[in-house]
N, C-alpha and C. Protein backbone atom coordinates (compact mmCIF):
# COMPACT_ATOMS: atom_id res chain seq x y z
N VAL A 1 19.55 -11.42 -0.76
CA VAL A 1 19.34 -12.77 -0.28
C VAL A 1 18.77 -12.70 1.14
N GLN A 2 17.80 -13.60 1.39
CA GLN A 2 17.20 -13.66 2.73
C GLN A 2 17.94 -14.71 3.56
N LEU A 3 18.18 -14.37 4.81
CA LEU A 3 18.96 -15.23 5.69
C LEU A 3 18.21 -15.51 6.99
N VAL A 4 18.23 -16.76 7.43
CA VAL A 4 17.59 -17.15 8.67
C VAL A 4 18.55 -18.03 9.46
N GLU A 5 18.92 -17.55 10.66
CA GLU A 5 19.80 -18.31 11.52
C GLU A 5 19.01 -19.20 12.47
N SER A 6 19.67 -20.25 12.91
CA SER A 6 19.10 -21.13 13.93
C SER A 6 20.24 -21.83 14.67
N GLY A 7 19.89 -22.44 15.80
CA GLY A 7 20.87 -23.25 16.51
C GLY A 7 21.44 -22.63 17.76
N GLY A 8 21.06 -21.39 18.06
CA GLY A 8 21.56 -20.78 19.28
C GLY A 8 20.96 -21.42 20.52
N GLY A 9 21.49 -21.04 21.68
CA GLY A 9 20.96 -21.58 22.91
C GLY A 9 21.87 -21.30 24.08
N LEU A 10 21.60 -22.01 25.17
CA LEU A 10 22.38 -21.88 26.41
C LEU A 10 23.27 -23.09 26.55
N VAL A 11 24.54 -22.86 26.82
CA VAL A 11 25.51 -23.94 26.96
C VAL A 11 26.51 -23.58 28.05
N GLN A 12 27.04 -24.58 28.69
CA GLN A 12 28.07 -24.33 29.71
C GLN A 12 29.42 -24.08 29.05
N ALA A 13 30.26 -23.39 29.77
CA ALA A 13 31.62 -23.14 29.29
C ALA A 13 32.30 -24.47 28.97
N GLY A 14 33.00 -24.48 27.84
CA GLY A 14 33.63 -25.70 27.38
C GLY A 14 32.77 -26.53 26.44
N GLY A 15 31.51 -26.18 26.35
CA GLY A 15 30.58 -26.91 25.50
C GLY A 15 30.63 -26.47 24.04
N SER A 16 29.72 -27.03 23.26
CA SER A 16 29.68 -26.77 21.82
C SER A 16 28.26 -26.44 21.36
N LEU A 17 28.21 -25.67 20.29
CA LEU A 17 26.95 -25.39 19.60
C LEU A 17 27.25 -25.33 18.11
N ARG A 18 26.22 -25.63 17.32
CA ARG A 18 26.34 -25.50 15.87
C ARG A 18 25.24 -24.58 15.38
N LEU A 19 25.63 -23.46 14.81
CA LEU A 19 24.68 -22.53 14.22
C LEU A 19 24.51 -22.84 12.75
N SER A 20 23.30 -22.61 12.26
CA SER A 20 22.99 -22.79 10.84
C SER A 20 22.41 -21.50 10.29
N CYS A 21 22.63 -21.28 9.02
CA CYS A 21 22.07 -20.12 8.34
C CYS A 21 21.54 -20.59 7.00
N ALA A 22 20.24 -20.42 6.80
CA ALA A 22 19.60 -20.81 5.55
C ALA A 22 19.41 -19.58 4.68
N ALA A 23 19.85 -19.67 3.43
CA ALA A 23 19.77 -18.54 2.50
C ALA A 23 18.76 -18.84 1.40
N SER A 24 18.11 -17.79 0.94
CA SER A 24 17.16 -17.96 -0.15
C SER A 24 17.05 -16.65 -0.92
N GLY A 25 16.58 -16.75 -2.14
CA GLY A 25 16.24 -15.58 -2.92
C GLY A 25 17.16 -15.24 -4.06
N ARG A 26 18.45 -15.54 -3.96
CA ARG A 26 19.39 -15.21 -5.03
C ARG A 26 20.40 -16.34 -5.15
N THR A 27 21.29 -16.20 -6.11
CA THR A 27 22.28 -17.24 -6.35
C THR A 27 23.28 -17.26 -5.21
N PHE A 28 23.17 -18.25 -4.39
CA PHE A 28 23.94 -18.32 -3.15
C PHE A 28 25.43 -18.33 -3.42
N SER A 29 25.85 -18.97 -4.47
CA SER A 29 27.29 -19.09 -4.74
C SER A 29 27.92 -17.78 -5.22
N ASN A 30 27.15 -16.73 -5.39
CA ASN A 30 27.71 -15.41 -5.72
C ASN A 30 28.16 -14.65 -4.48
N TYR A 31 27.93 -15.25 -3.30
CA TYR A 31 28.14 -14.54 -2.05
C TYR A 31 29.19 -15.20 -1.18
N ALA A 32 30.07 -14.37 -0.64
CA ALA A 32 30.84 -14.79 0.51
C ALA A 32 29.92 -14.67 1.71
N MET A 33 30.09 -15.56 2.68
CA MET A 33 29.20 -15.58 3.84
C MET A 33 29.99 -15.40 5.12
N GLY A 34 29.47 -14.54 5.97
CA GLY A 34 30.15 -14.26 7.21
C GLY A 34 29.27 -14.45 8.43
N TRP A 35 29.92 -14.60 9.55
CA TRP A 35 29.25 -14.59 10.86
C TRP A 35 29.81 -13.42 11.66
N PHE A 36 28.92 -12.69 12.28
CA PHE A 36 29.26 -11.60 13.18
C PHE A 36 28.55 -11.86 14.51
N ARG A 37 28.97 -11.13 15.52
CA ARG A 37 28.29 -11.25 16.81
C ARG A 37 28.26 -9.90 17.51
N GLN A 38 27.27 -9.77 18.38
CA GLN A 38 27.14 -8.53 19.14
C GLN A 38 26.74 -8.87 20.56
N ALA A 39 27.62 -8.53 21.48
CA ALA A 39 27.36 -8.72 22.90
C ALA A 39 26.65 -7.49 23.47
N PRO A 40 25.94 -7.63 24.58
CA PRO A 40 25.23 -6.49 25.17
C PRO A 40 26.18 -5.33 25.45
N GLY A 41 25.80 -4.16 24.98
CA GLY A 41 26.59 -2.98 25.23
C GLY A 41 27.84 -2.84 24.39
N LYS A 42 28.02 -3.75 23.43
CA LYS A 42 29.21 -3.71 22.59
C LYS A 42 28.81 -3.59 21.12
N GLU A 43 29.79 -3.21 20.32
CA GLU A 43 29.55 -3.10 18.89
C GLU A 43 29.56 -4.49 18.24
N ARG A 44 28.90 -4.57 17.11
CA ARG A 44 28.92 -5.81 16.35
C ARG A 44 30.34 -6.06 15.84
N GLU A 45 30.78 -7.31 15.96
CA GLU A 45 32.14 -7.61 15.55
C GLU A 45 32.20 -8.81 14.61
N PHE A 46 33.22 -8.81 13.80
CA PHE A 46 33.47 -9.89 12.86
C PHE A 46 33.89 -11.15 13.59
N VAL A 47 33.39 -12.29 13.12
CA VAL A 47 33.79 -13.58 13.68
C VAL A 47 34.55 -14.41 12.63
N VAL A 48 33.93 -14.58 11.46
CA VAL A 48 34.54 -15.43 10.44
C VAL A 48 33.85 -15.18 9.11
N VAL A 49 34.58 -15.44 8.02
CA VAL A 49 33.99 -15.35 6.68
C VAL A 49 34.51 -16.52 5.86
N ILE A 50 33.67 -16.98 4.94
CA ILE A 50 34.03 -18.06 4.03
C ILE A 50 33.77 -17.59 2.60
N THR A 51 34.69 -17.91 1.69
CA THR A 51 34.52 -17.50 0.30
C THR A 51 33.38 -18.25 -0.38
N TRP A 52 32.99 -17.79 -1.55
CA TRP A 52 31.83 -18.34 -2.26
C TRP A 52 31.97 -19.85 -2.49
N SER A 53 33.19 -20.29 -2.72
CA SER A 53 33.41 -21.71 -3.01
C SER A 53 33.63 -22.54 -1.76
N GLY A 54 33.87 -21.86 -0.65
CA GLY A 54 34.24 -22.57 0.56
C GLY A 54 35.72 -22.89 0.63
N GLY A 55 36.47 -22.42 -0.36
CA GLY A 55 37.87 -22.76 -0.43
C GLY A 55 38.76 -22.02 0.55
N SER A 56 38.31 -20.87 1.02
CA SER A 56 39.11 -20.10 1.96
C SER A 56 38.23 -19.59 3.09
N THR A 57 38.83 -19.53 4.27
CA THR A 57 38.13 -19.03 5.45
C THR A 57 39.06 -18.10 6.21
N TYR A 58 38.48 -17.13 6.88
CA TYR A 58 39.25 -16.15 7.64
C TYR A 58 38.55 -15.94 8.97
N TYR A 59 39.30 -16.11 10.06
CA TYR A 59 38.74 -16.06 11.40
C TYR A 59 39.28 -14.89 12.20
N ALA A 60 38.45 -14.39 13.09
CA ALA A 60 38.94 -13.46 14.10
C ALA A 60 39.85 -14.22 15.05
N ASP A 61 40.87 -13.55 15.55
CA ASP A 61 41.83 -14.21 16.44
C ASP A 61 41.14 -14.80 17.67
N SER A 62 40.09 -14.17 18.12
CA SER A 62 39.42 -14.60 19.35
C SER A 62 38.75 -15.97 19.21
N VAL A 63 38.48 -16.41 18.00
CA VAL A 63 37.78 -17.68 17.81
C VAL A 63 38.61 -18.71 17.05
N LYS A 64 39.75 -18.31 16.58
CA LYS A 64 40.59 -19.20 15.78
C LYS A 64 40.95 -20.45 16.58
N GLY A 65 40.78 -21.60 15.94
CA GLY A 65 41.07 -22.86 16.60
C GLY A 65 39.90 -23.43 17.38
N ARG A 66 38.86 -22.64 17.59
CA ARG A 66 37.69 -23.12 18.33
C ARG A 66 36.44 -23.17 17.45
N PHE A 67 36.33 -22.25 16.53
CA PHE A 67 35.15 -22.17 15.65
C PHE A 67 35.54 -22.64 14.25
N THR A 68 34.56 -23.24 13.56
CA THR A 68 34.77 -23.68 12.19
C THR A 68 33.55 -23.32 11.34
N ILE A 69 33.79 -22.60 10.26
CA ILE A 69 32.72 -22.26 9.33
C ILE A 69 32.76 -23.22 8.15
N SER A 70 31.58 -23.52 7.63
CA SER A 70 31.48 -24.34 6.42
C SER A 70 30.23 -23.92 5.67
N ARG A 71 30.15 -24.35 4.42
CA ARG A 71 28.97 -24.03 3.63
C ARG A 71 28.66 -25.20 2.70
N ASP A 72 27.38 -25.28 2.34
CA ASP A 72 26.93 -26.28 1.39
C ASP A 72 26.13 -25.54 0.32
N ASN A 73 26.75 -25.30 -0.82
CA ASN A 73 26.09 -24.51 -1.86
C ASN A 73 24.94 -25.27 -2.52
N THR A 74 24.90 -26.57 -2.37
CA THR A 74 23.78 -27.34 -2.93
C THR A 74 22.52 -27.18 -2.08
N LYS A 75 22.73 -26.80 -0.82
CA LYS A 75 21.59 -26.62 0.10
C LYS A 75 21.38 -25.17 0.50
N ASN A 76 22.23 -24.27 0.00
CA ASN A 76 22.16 -22.85 0.37
C ASN A 76 22.26 -22.67 1.88
N MET A 77 23.23 -23.34 2.46
CA MET A 77 23.40 -23.32 3.92
C MET A 77 24.82 -22.93 4.30
N VAL A 78 24.92 -22.25 5.43
CA VAL A 78 26.20 -21.95 6.06
C VAL A 78 26.12 -22.42 7.51
N TYR A 79 27.22 -22.94 8.01
CA TYR A 79 27.24 -23.47 9.37
C TYR A 79 28.40 -22.86 10.16
N LEU A 80 28.20 -22.76 11.44
CA LEU A 80 29.27 -22.33 12.33
C LEU A 80 29.33 -23.31 13.50
N GLN A 81 30.34 -24.14 13.50
CA GLN A 81 30.57 -25.06 14.60
C GLN A 81 31.42 -24.37 15.65
N MET A 82 30.90 -24.26 16.86
CA MET A 82 31.57 -23.55 17.93
C MET A 82 31.90 -24.53 19.05
N ASN A 83 33.18 -24.72 19.28
CA ASN A 83 33.66 -25.63 20.32
C ASN A 83 34.40 -24.85 21.40
N SER A 84 34.59 -25.48 22.53
CA SER A 84 35.33 -24.86 23.64
C SER A 84 34.80 -23.46 23.94
N LEU A 85 33.51 -23.37 24.03
CA LEU A 85 32.88 -22.05 24.22
C LEU A 85 33.26 -21.44 25.56
N LYS A 86 33.36 -20.13 25.55
CA LYS A 86 33.72 -19.35 26.72
C LYS A 86 32.59 -18.37 27.04
N PRO A 87 32.50 -17.93 28.29
CA PRO A 87 31.46 -16.93 28.61
C PRO A 87 31.56 -15.68 27.73
N GLU A 88 32.75 -15.31 27.33
CA GLU A 88 32.91 -14.12 26.49
C GLU A 88 32.42 -14.32 25.06
N ASP A 89 32.03 -15.55 24.71
CA ASP A 89 31.41 -15.79 23.41
C ASP A 89 29.91 -15.47 23.43
N THR A 90 29.39 -15.17 24.59
CA THR A 90 27.97 -14.84 24.71
C THR A 90 27.64 -13.61 23.87
N ALA A 91 26.67 -13.75 22.97
CA ALA A 91 26.30 -12.67 22.06
C ALA A 91 25.14 -13.13 21.19
N VAL A 92 24.59 -12.18 20.47
CA VAL A 92 23.70 -12.51 19.37
C VAL A 92 24.57 -12.71 18.13
N TYR A 93 24.39 -13.84 17.47
CA TYR A 93 25.20 -14.17 16.29
C TYR A 93 24.37 -13.94 15.03
N TYR A 94 24.99 -13.25 14.10
CA TYR A 94 24.33 -12.90 12.85
C TYR A 94 25.04 -13.52 11.66
N CYS A 95 24.27 -14.03 10.76
CA CYS A 95 24.75 -14.50 9.47
C CYS A 95 24.62 -13.32 8.49
N ALA A 96 25.59 -13.17 7.60
CA ALA A 96 25.56 -12.05 6.67
C ALA A 96 26.13 -12.47 5.32
N ALA A 97 25.62 -11.84 4.26
CA ALA A 97 26.03 -12.17 2.90
C ALA A 97 26.72 -10.97 2.26
N GLN A 98 27.85 -11.26 1.64
CA GLN A 98 28.63 -10.25 0.92
C GLN A 98 28.65 -10.64 -0.56
N TYR A 99 28.15 -9.76 -1.41
CA TYR A 99 28.13 -10.05 -2.83
C TYR A 99 29.54 -9.93 -3.37
N TYR A 100 30.25 -11.03 -3.40
CA TYR A 100 31.67 -11.02 -3.73
C TYR A 100 32.10 -12.44 -4.06
N SER A 101 32.76 -12.61 -5.19
CA SER A 101 33.16 -13.96 -5.60
C SER A 101 34.67 -14.11 -5.72
N GLY A 102 35.40 -13.25 -5.06
CA GLY A 102 36.85 -13.35 -5.07
C GLY A 102 37.38 -14.18 -3.92
N SER A 103 38.67 -14.09 -3.71
CA SER A 103 39.35 -14.92 -2.71
C SER A 103 39.58 -14.22 -1.39
N TYR A 104 39.32 -12.91 -1.33
CA TYR A 104 39.61 -12.16 -0.11
C TYR A 104 38.42 -11.30 0.29
N PRO A 105 37.37 -11.92 0.80
CA PRO A 105 36.19 -11.14 1.20
C PRO A 105 36.49 -10.23 2.39
N SER A 106 35.73 -9.16 2.48
CA SER A 106 35.94 -8.18 3.52
C SER A 106 35.45 -8.69 4.88
N ARG A 107 36.05 -8.14 5.93
CA ARG A 107 35.61 -8.38 7.29
C ARG A 107 34.77 -7.22 7.82
N GLU A 108 34.59 -6.20 7.01
CA GLU A 108 33.93 -4.98 7.45
C GLU A 108 32.41 -5.11 7.34
N ILE A 109 31.70 -4.62 8.33
CA ILE A 109 30.25 -4.72 8.37
C ILE A 109 29.61 -4.10 7.14
N TYR A 110 30.16 -2.96 6.71
CA TYR A 110 29.53 -2.22 5.61
C TYR A 110 29.57 -2.99 4.30
N ALA A 111 30.45 -3.98 4.20
CA ALA A 111 30.60 -4.73 2.95
C ALA A 111 29.51 -5.78 2.78
N TYR A 112 28.74 -6.03 3.81
CA TYR A 112 27.74 -7.09 3.78
C TYR A 112 26.37 -6.53 3.43
N ASN A 113 25.77 -7.11 2.40
CA ASN A 113 24.54 -6.59 1.85
C ASN A 113 23.30 -7.02 2.62
N ASP A 114 23.33 -8.23 3.12
CA ASP A 114 22.13 -8.80 3.72
C ASP A 114 22.48 -9.47 5.05
N TRP A 115 21.52 -9.40 5.97
CA TRP A 115 21.73 -9.91 7.33
C TRP A 115 20.53 -10.73 7.78
N GLY A 116 20.81 -11.72 8.60
CA GLY A 116 19.74 -12.44 9.26
C GLY A 116 19.28 -11.71 10.50
N GLN A 117 18.31 -12.31 11.19
CA GLN A 117 17.73 -11.66 12.37
C GLN A 117 18.54 -11.91 13.63
N GLY A 118 19.45 -12.85 13.57
CA GLY A 118 20.30 -13.16 14.71
C GLY A 118 19.78 -14.30 15.55
N THR A 119 20.69 -14.98 16.22
CA THR A 119 20.34 -16.05 17.15
C THR A 119 21.20 -15.90 18.40
N GLN A 120 20.57 -16.04 19.55
CA GLN A 120 21.26 -15.80 20.83
C GLN A 120 22.08 -17.01 21.23
N VAL A 121 23.32 -16.76 21.60
CA VAL A 121 24.20 -17.77 22.18
C VAL A 121 24.60 -17.28 23.56
N THR A 122 24.33 -18.10 24.56
CA THR A 122 24.68 -17.76 25.94
C THR A 122 25.54 -18.87 26.52
N VAL A 123 26.71 -18.49 27.01
CA VAL A 123 27.64 -19.44 27.59
C VAL A 123 27.76 -19.14 29.07
N SER A 124 27.38 -20.09 29.89
CA SER A 124 27.43 -19.90 31.34
C SER A 124 28.76 -20.41 31.88
N SER A 125 29.20 -19.76 32.94
CA SER A 125 30.50 -20.14 33.55
C SER A 125 30.32 -21.19 34.63
């Protein structure tokens, strides 16, 4: 599946951004969808994943309560609403697809088959 992210930008601490990920090429509902991020000089890390149906979501502790993932299988879209942003949220954010239709998708990078090109999120203090 091909993935294209959008919605990144520059925001002040405490502000909000909404990232979007458009998927194409395969049956979108066969995939769990995740968001990862990579800050300069750091490894790529898991942020959140949503199951194929949207019925379950799993968040990294660092974003729990501030970020919300959702998906629209009729539009082949995944969204990440980011509120109460902090400077430490600054990173390139990647959308990723995991070919998995169960209830407990992996948080591991290697489990994800396809990746977008990333979108930059910068939070100023």
